[in-house]
Amino acid sequence: MPKACEATDYTTLKPAEIALPDRLPLMGAVIGPRPVVVITTVGPDGIVNAGAYSNYMGVSSEPVLVCFALGRRNGEEKDTLRNIKANSEFVVNNASSVMAEGVHKTAVDFPPERSEIPFAGFHTIPSEIVHAQRIAESPIQLECRLHKLVELGEPEPTNTIVIGEVVRIHVRKDLITADGKVRGEGWDALGGIGDAYVTMGEVFELPYPEAPAE
């Protein structure tokens, strides 16, 4: 067990008093590790847009929902959000550690008419349901249809939570066990902490705890 600290061992921060540019790196440092994924969407001209996001999580199993959050860039909506608003679909491409360099490159600020895919060194394969393509290097991909958008910020939105319903899940065959389950530890998931990346490291299990007898 870790050492128990005293109240005086902590530095207390007040988010409302922290300058806006410093809040995002603060949140990245205190929430983590976070799963890193690449969201692919399709623009009105058919261009595949790809962007890395780490504010991502599953939220429901019935219906099967995932969500991610994204902010504005210089006050403007990112291509990812504009495309999702236009066609109500996207693909979540899980990232493994060997994809890190390419994932990092998708953060480049390309104009909407230029895809990040070639620059990142990735390749695409067709999806089964949605028009957005999947990244072929990704071990697991989730095809999603838009469920809901939640705009945050006043008076103008500064961030958006995108909630998507998962309509297809594609899992690389070597990650499927003989009894049909997915080996979640088998693809060395890429994570984020602060401005850095992390890998899975040691994977271990603990038995479900039982309440002691009174």
C-alpha atoms as a PDB file:
ATOM      1  CA  MET A   1       0.000   0.000   0.000  1.00  0.00           C
ATOM      2  CA  PRO A   2       1.216   3.555  -0.681  1.00  0.00           C
ATOM      3  CA  LYS A   3       2.081   5.900   2.141  1.00  0.00           C
ATOM      4  CA  ALA A   4      -0.854   7.921   3.512  1.00  0.00           C
ATOM      5  CA  CYS A   5      -0.189  11.662   3.210  1.00  0.00           C
ATOM      6  CA  GLU A   6      -1.164  14.522   5.442  1.00  0.00           C
ATOM      7  CA  ALA A   7      -3.269  17.425   4.149  1.00  0.00           C
ATOM      8  CA  THR A   8      -0.178  19.633   4.306  1.00  0.00           C
ATOM      9  CA  ASP A   9       1.640  17.330   1.850  1.00  0.00           C
ATOM     10  CA  TYR A  10      -0.492  18.607  -1.024  1.00  0.00           C
ATOM     11  CA  THR A  11      -0.422  21.767  -3.138  1.00  0.00           C
ATOM     12  CA  THR A  12      -3.966  22.967  -3.837  1.00  0.00           C
ATOM     13  CA  LEU A  13      -4.759  24.521  -7.212  1.00  0.00           C
ATOM     14  CA  LYS A  14      -7.827  26.601  -8.066  1.00  0.00           C
ATOM     15  CA  PRO A  15      -8.804  25.983 -11.723  1.00  0.00           C
ATOM     16  CA  ALA A  16     -10.751  29.249 -12.014  1.00  0.00           C
ATOM     17  CA  GLU A  17      -7.578  31.177 -11.154  1.00  0.00           C
ATOM     18  CA  ILE A  18      -5.383  29.397 -13.711  1.00  0.00           C
ATOM     19  CA  ALA A  19      -4.833  31.114 -17.060  1.00  0.00           C
ATOM     20  CA  LEU A  20      -6.772  29.460 -19.880  1.00  0.00           C
ATOM     21  CA  PRO A  21      -3.671  28.416 -21.907  1.00  0.00           C
ATOM     22  CA  ASP A  22      -2.339  26.605 -18.815  1.00  0.00           C
ATOM     23  CA  ARG A  23      -5.491  24.622 -18.075  1.00  0.00           C
ATOM     24  CA  LEU A  24      -5.213  22.076 -20.881  1.00  0.00           C
ATOM     25  CA  PRO A  25      -1.688  20.923 -19.961  1.00  0.00           C
ATOM     26  CA  LEU A  26      -2.754  20.845 -16.313  1.00  0.00           C
ATOM     27  CA  MET A  27      -5.695  18.577 -17.091  1.00  0.00           C
ATOM     28  CA  GLY A  28      -3.456  16.389 -19.218  1.00  0.00           C
ATOM     29  CA  ALA A  29      -1.039  15.982 -16.316  1.00  0.00           C
ATOM     30  CA  VAL A  30      -3.571  15.197 -13.596  1.00  0.00           C
ATOM     31  CA  ILE A  31      -5.819  12.887 -15.658  1.00  0.00           C
ATOM     32  CA  GLY A  32      -3.990   9.895 -16.962  1.00  0.00           C
ATOM     33  CA  PRO A  33      -2.826   7.814 -18.472  1.00  0.00           C
ATOM     34  CA  ARG A  34      -5.472   8.457 -21.115  1.00  0.00           C
ATOM     35  CA  PRO A  35      -6.065   6.192 -24.130  1.00  0.00           C
ATOM     36  CA  VAL A  36      -4.779   7.732 -27.355  1.00  0.00           C
ATOM     37  CA  VAL A  37      -6.887   7.133 -30.469  1.00  0.00           C
ATOM     38  CA  VAL A  38      -7.001   8.488 -34.000  1.00  0.00           C
ATOM     39  CA  ILE A  39     -10.418   9.672 -35.180  1.00  0.00           C
ATOM     40  CA  THR A  40     -11.006   9.446 -38.920  1.00  0.00           C
ATOM     41  CA  THR A  41     -13.759  11.353 -40.690  1.00  0.00           C
ATOM     42  CA  VAL A  42     -14.574  12.265 -44.279  1.00  0.00           C
ATOM     43  CA  GLY A  43     -14.867  15.817 -45.545  1.00  0.00           C
ATOM     44  CA  PRO A  44     -17.392  17.064 -48.131  1.00  0.00           C
ATOM     45  CA  ASP A  45     -14.842  16.521 -50.897  1.00  0.00           C
ATOM     46  CA  GLY A  46     -14.124  12.926 -49.851  1.00  0.00           C
ATOM     47  CA  ILE A  47     -10.819  13.723 -48.152  1.00  0.00           C
ATOM     48  CA  VAL A  48     -10.066  11.487 -45.154  1.00  0.00           C
ATOM     49  CA  ASN A  49      -9.226  13.542 -42.086  1.00  0.00           C
ATOM     50  CA  ALA A  50      -7.277  11.998 -39.216  1.00  0.00           C
ATOM     51  CA  GLY A  51      -6.647  13.490 -35.788  1.00  0.00           C
ATOM     52  CA  ALA A  52      -5.240  12.120 -32.537  1.00  0.00           C
ATOM     53  CA  TYR A  53      -7.297  12.518 -29.361  1.00  0.00           C
ATOM     54  CA  SER A  54      -6.784  11.385 -25.788  1.00  0.00           C
ATOM     55  CA  ASN A  55      -9.956  12.696 -24.120  1.00  0.00           C
ATOM     56  CA  TYR A  56     -11.672   9.451 -25.074  1.00  0.00           C
ATOM     57  CA  MET A  57     -13.637   6.806 -23.202  1.00  0.00           C
ATOM     58  CA  GLY A  58     -16.429   4.262 -23.378  1.00  0.00           C
ATOM     59  CA  VAL A  59     -19.646   5.408 -21.716  1.00  0.00           C
ATOM     60  CA  SER A  60     -22.293   2.707 -22.173  1.00  0.00           C
ATOM     61  CA  SER A  61     -22.784  -0.911 -23.204  1.00  0.00           C
ATOM     62  CA  GLU A  62     -26.520  -0.577 -23.950  1.00  0.00           C
ATOM     63  CA  PRO A  63     -26.544   1.219 -26.258  1.00  0.00           C
ATOM     64  CA  VAL A  64     -22.855   0.788 -27.066  1.00  0.00           C
ATOM     65  CA  LEU A  65     -21.525   4.347 -26.816  1.00  0.00           C
ATOM     66  CA  VAL A  66     -18.099   5.963 -26.788  1.00  0.00           C
ATOM     67  CA  CYS A  67     -17.203   9.618 -26.495  1.00  0.00           C
ATOM     68  CA  PHE A  68     -14.312  11.983 -27.033  1.00  0.00           C
ATOM     69  CA  ALA A  69     -13.873  15.688 -26.435  1.00  0.00           C
ATOM     70  CA  LEU A  70     -12.193  18.262 -28.614  1.00  0.00           C
ATOM     71  CA  GLY A  71     -11.628  21.981 -28.407  1.00  0.00           C
ATOM     72  CA  ARG A  72     -11.365  24.725 -30.978  1.00  0.00           C
ATOM     73  CA  ARG A  73      -8.206  25.747 -32.809  1.00  0.00           C
ATOM     74  CA  ASN A  74      -7.799  29.528 -32.753  1.00  0.00           C
ATOM     75  CA  GLY A  75     -11.512  29.771 -32.047  1.00  0.00           C
ATOM     76  CA  GLU A  76     -12.460  27.685 -35.085  1.00  0.00           C
ATOM     77  CA  GLU A  77     -13.948  24.195 -35.180  1.00  0.00           C
ATOM     78  CA  LYS A  78     -11.497  21.454 -36.116  1.00  0.00           C
ATOM     79  CA  ASP A  79     -12.013  19.454 -39.309  1.00  0.00           C
ATOM     80  CA  THR A  80     -12.979  16.427 -37.215  1.00  0.00           C
ATOM     81  CA  LEU A  81     -15.948  18.219 -35.666  1.00  0.00           C
ATOM     82  CA  ARG A  82     -17.053  19.911 -38.875  1.00  0.00           C
ATOM     83  CA  ASN A  83     -17.053  16.579 -40.700  1.00  0.00           C
ATOM     84  CA  ILE A  84     -18.991  14.820 -37.937  1.00  0.00           C
ATOM     85  CA  LYS A  85     -21.589  17.599 -37.924  1.00  0.00           C
ATOM     86  CA  ALA A  86     -21.895  17.257 -41.703  1.00  0.00           C
ATOM     87  CA  ASN A  87     -22.281  13.474 -42.008  1.00  0.00           C
ATOM     88  CA  SER A  88     -22.868  12.148 -38.457  1.00  0.00           C
ATOM     89  CA  GLU A  89     -20.223   9.416 -38.520  1.00  0.00           C
ATOM     90  CA  PHE A  90     -16.615   8.672 -37.631  1.00  0.00           C
ATOM     91  CA  VAL A  91     -14.184   5.859 -36.858  1.00  0.00           C
ATOM     92  CA  VAL A  92     -12.187   5.425 -33.653  1.00  0.00           C
ATOM     93  CA  ASN A  93      -8.847   3.828 -34.491  1.00  0.00           C
ATOM     94  CA  ASN A  94      -7.111   2.457 -31.399  1.00  0.00           C
ATOM     95  CA  ALA A  95      -3.403   3.242 -31.337  1.00  0.00           C
ATOM     96  CA  SER A  96      -0.639   0.844 -30.316  1.00  0.00           C
ATOM     97  CA  SER A  97       2.819   1.935 -29.212  1.00  0.00           C
ATOM     98  CA  VAL A  98       4.367   1.154 -32.616  1.00  0.00           C
ATOM     99  CA  MET A  99       1.987   3.717 -34.145  1.00  0.00           C
ATOM    100  CA  ALA A 100       3.193   6.545 -31.886  1.00  0.00           C
ATOM    101  CA  GLU A 101       5.208   8.507 -34.440  1.00  0.00           C
ATOM    102  CA  GLY A 102       2.426   8.426 -37.012  1.00  0.00           C
ATOM    103  CA  VAL A 103      -0.207   9.260 -34.410  1.00  0.00           C
ATOM    104  CA  HIS A 104       1.849  12.269 -33.335  1.00  0.00           C
ATOM    105  CA  LYS A 105       2.044  13.493 -36.929  1.00  0.00           C
ATOM    106  CA  THR A 106      -1.743  13.614 -37.260  1.00  0.00           C
ATOM    107  CA  ALA A 107      -1.684  16.647 -34.943  1.00  0.00           C
ATOM    108  CA  VAL A 108      -0.294  18.759 -37.795  1.00  0.00           C
ATOM    109  CA  ASP A 109      -2.577  21.623 -38.829  1.00  0.00           C
ATOM    110  CA  PHE A 110      -3.352  20.735 -42.449  1.00  0.00           C
ATOM    111  CA  PRO A 111      -6.089  22.546 -44.416  1.00  0.00           C
ATOM    112  CA  PRO A 112      -9.338  20.570 -44.898  1.00  0.00           C
ATOM    113  CA  GLU A 113      -8.464  19.672 -48.486  1.00  0.00           C
ATOM    114  CA  ARG A 114      -5.304  17.783 -47.429  1.00  0.00           C
ATOM    115  CA  SER A 115      -5.352  14.461 -45.606  1.00  0.00           C
ATOM    116  CA  GLU A 116      -3.022  13.731 -42.690  1.00  0.00           C
ATOM    117  CA  ILE A 117      -2.931  10.022 -43.579  1.00  0.00           C
ATOM    118  CA  PRO A 118       0.008  10.055 -46.064  1.00  0.00           C
ATOM    119  CA  PHE A 119       2.046  12.432 -43.890  1.00  0.00           C
ATOM    120  CA  ALA A 120       1.570  10.119 -40.904  1.00  0.00           C
ATOM    121  CA  GLY A 121       2.668   7.107 -42.948  1.00  0.00           C
ATOM    122  CA  PHE A 122      -0.647   5.319 -42.454  1.00  0.00           C
ATOM    123  CA  HIS A 123      -2.855   3.468 -44.916  1.00  0.00           C
ATOM    124  CA  THR A 124      -6.633   3.180 -45.029  1.00  0.00           C
ATOM    125  CA  ILE A 125      -9.109   0.367 -45.593  1.00  0.00           C
ATOM    126  CA  PRO A 126     -12.866   0.663 -46.174  1.00  0.00           C
ATOM    127  CA  SER A 127     -15.343   0.570 -43.319  1.00  0.00           C
ATOM    128  CA  GLU A 128     -18.359  -1.718 -43.440  1.00  0.00           C
ATOM    129  CA  ILE A 129     -21.111   0.715 -42.416  1.00  0.00           C
ATOM    130  CA  VAL A 130     -19.809   4.303 -42.299  1.00  0.00           C
ATOM    131  CA  HIS A 131     -18.095   6.225 -45.073  1.00  0.00           C
ATOM    132  CA  ALA A 132     -15.088   7.211 -42.970  1.00  0.00           C
ATOM    133  CA  GLN A 133     -12.209   4.848 -43.641  1.00  0.00           C
ATOM    134  CA  ARG A 134     -10.242   2.864 -41.072  1.00  0.00           C
ATOM    135  CA  ILE A 135      -6.500   3.064 -40.436  1.00  0.00           C
ATOM    136  CA  ALA A 136      -4.958  -0.232 -41.522  1.00  0.00           C
ATOM    137  CA  GLU A 137      -2.165  -0.051 -38.935  1.00  0.00           C
ATOM    138  CA  SER A 138      -4.656   0.154 -36.059  1.00  0.00           C
ATOM    139  CA  PRO A 139      -5.233  -3.110 -34.162  1.00  0.00           C
ATOM    140  CA  ILE A 140      -8.856  -2.283 -33.308  1.00  0.00           C
ATOM    141  CA  GLN A 141     -11.290   0.084 -35.018  1.00  0.00           C
ATOM    142  CA  LEU A 142     -14.777   1.177 -34.007  1.00  0.00           C
ATOM    143  CA  GLU A 143     -17.189   2.432 -36.629  1.00  0.00           C
ATOM    144  CA  CYS A 144     -19.493   5.017 -35.049  1.00  0.00           C
ATOM    145  CA  ARG A 145     -22.607   6.965 -35.875  1.00  0.00           C
ATOM    146  CA  LEU A 146     -23.211  10.243 -34.100  1.00  0.00           C
ATOM    147  CA  HIS A 147     -25.452   9.870 -31.047  1.00  0.00           C
ATOM    148  CA  LYS A 148     -25.210  13.340 -29.527  1.00  0.00           C
ATOM    149  CA  LEU A 149     -23.087  16.482 -29.411  1.00  0.00           C
ATOM    150  CA  VAL A 150     -22.668  18.346 -26.139  1.00  0.00           C
ATOM    151  CA  GLU A 151     -21.368  21.895 -26.560  1.00  0.00           C
ATOM    152  CA  LEU A 152     -19.469  23.383 -23.613  1.00  0.00           C
ATOM    153  CA  GLY A 153     -18.495  26.976 -22.883  1.00  0.00           C
ATOM    154  CA  GLU A 154     -20.205  30.343 -22.619  1.00  0.00           C
ATOM    155  CA  PRO A 155     -21.205  32.486 -24.407  1.00  0.00           C
ATOM    156  CA  GLU A 156     -19.664  30.678 -27.418  1.00  0.00           C
ATOM    157  CA  PRO A 157     -18.750  26.970 -27.298  1.00  0.00           C
ATOM    158  CA  THR A 158     -15.081  26.296 -26.570  1.00  0.00           C
ATOM    159  CA  ASN A 159     -15.228  22.505 -26.400  1.00  0.00           C
ATOM    160  CA  THR A 160     -17.484  19.741 -27.687  1.00  0.00           C
ATOM    161  CA  ILE A 161     -18.158  16.248 -26.390  1.00  0.00           C
ATOM    162  CA  VAL A 162     -18.908  13.878 -29.266  1.00  0.00           C
ATOM    163  CA  ILE A 163     -20.892  10.786 -28.296  1.00  0.00           C
ATOM    164  CA  GLY A 164     -21.025   8.051 -30.894  1.00  0.00           C
ATOM    165  CA  GLU A 165     -22.912   4.771 -31.135  1.00  0.00           C
ATOM    166  CA  VAL A 166     -20.608   1.913 -32.081  1.00  0.00           C
ATOM    167  CA  VAL A 167     -22.088  -0.005 -35.034  1.00  0.00           C
ATOM    168  CA  ARG A 168     -19.089  -2.177 -35.915  1.00  0.00           C
ATOM    169  CA  ILE A 169     -15.940  -3.268 -34.064  1.00  0.00           C
ATOM    170  CA  HIS A 170     -13.010  -4.621 -36.072  1.00  0.00           C
ATOM    171  CA  VAL A 171     -10.385  -6.580 -34.128  1.00  0.00           C
ATOM    172  CA  ARG A 172      -7.134  -7.871 -35.615  1.00  0.00           C
ATOM    173  CA  LYS A 173      -7.376 -11.671 -35.726  1.00  0.00           C
ATOM    174  CA  ASP A 174      -4.287 -12.333 -33.601  1.00  0.00           C
ATOM    175  CA  LEU A 175      -6.028 -10.513 -30.727  1.00  0.00           C
ATOM    176  CA  ILE A 176      -8.965 -12.954 -30.675  1.00  0.00           C
ATOM    177  CA  THR A 177      -8.654 -15.899 -28.283  1.00  0.00           C
ATOM    178  CA  ALA A 178      -9.804 -19.447 -29.052  1.00  0.00           C
ATOM    179  CA  ASP A 179     -13.041 -18.819 -27.154  1.00  0.00           C
ATOM    180  CA  GLY A 180     -13.759 -15.634 -29.088  1.00  0.00           C
ATOM    181  CA  LYS A 181     -12.696 -13.039 -26.535  1.00  0.00           C
ATOM    182  CA  VAL A 182     -10.488 -10.021 -27.227  1.00  0.00           C
ATOM    183  CA  ARG A 183      -7.019  -9.954 -25.667  1.00  0.00           C
ATOM    184  CA  GLY A 184      -7.086  -6.380 -24.415  1.00  0.00           C
ATOM    185  CA  GLU A 185      -3.499  -6.619 -23.204  1.00  0.00           C
ATOM    186  CA  GLY A 186      -2.245  -7.939 -26.532  1.00  0.00           C
ATOM    187  CA  TRP A 187      -1.857  -4.733 -28.514  1.00  0.00           C
ATOM    188  CA  ASP A 188       0.304  -2.528 -26.248  1.00  0.00           C
ATOM    189  CA  ALA A 189      -2.120   0.373 -26.124  1.00  0.00           C
ATOM    190  CA  LEU A 190      -0.673   3.863 -26.499  1.00  0.00           C
ATOM    191  CA  GLY A 191      -1.568   6.299 -23.746  1.00  0.00           C
ATOM    192  CA  GLY A 192      -0.977   9.922 -22.870  1.00  0.00           C
ATOM    193  CA  ILE A 193       0.158  11.614 -19.676  1.00  0.00           C
ATOM    194  CA  GLY A 194       0.808  15.345 -19.704  1.00  0.00           C
ATOM    195  CA  ASP A 195       2.435  16.128 -23.065  1.00  0.00           C
ATOM    196  CA  ALA A 196       4.124  12.713 -23.220  1.00  0.00           C
ATOM    197  CA  TYR A 197       3.161   9.232 -24.361  1.00  0.00           C
ATOM    198  CA  VAL A 198       3.122   6.055 -22.283  1.00  0.00           C
ATOM    199  CA  THR A 199       2.845   2.348 -23.066  1.00  0.00           C
ATOM    200  CA  MET A 200       1.028  -0.290 -21.082  1.00  0.00           C
ATOM    201  CA  GLY A 201       3.940  -1.660 -19.079  1.00  0.00           C
ATOM    202  CA  GLU A 202       3.073  -4.446 -16.634  1.00  0.00           C
ATOM    203  CA  VAL A 203      -0.397  -5.951 -16.920  1.00  0.00           C
ATOM    204  CA  PHE A 204      -1.830  -7.731 -13.871  1.00  0.00           C
ATOM    205  CA  GLU A 205      -5.138  -8.902 -12.443  1.00  0.00           C
ATOM    206  CA  LEU A 206      -6.590  -8.885  -8.936  1.00  0.00           C
ATOM    207  CA  PRO A 207      -9.429 -11.087  -7.671  1.00  0.00           C
ATOM    208  CA  TYR A 208     -12.748  -9.363  -7.066  1.00  0.00           C
ATOM    209  CA  PRO A 209     -12.829  -8.279  -3.400  1.00  0.00           C
ATOM    210  CA  GLU A 210     -15.307  -9.770  -0.968  1.00  0.00           C
ATOM    211  CA  ALA A 211     -16.775  -7.856   1.941  1.00  0.00           C
ATOM    212  CA  PRO A 212     -15.376  -9.108   5.256  1.00  0.00           C
ATOM    213  CA  ALA A 213     -17.743 -10.733   7.682  1.00  0.00           C
ATOM    214  CA  GLU A 214     -19.023  -8.393  10.378  1.00  0.00           C
END
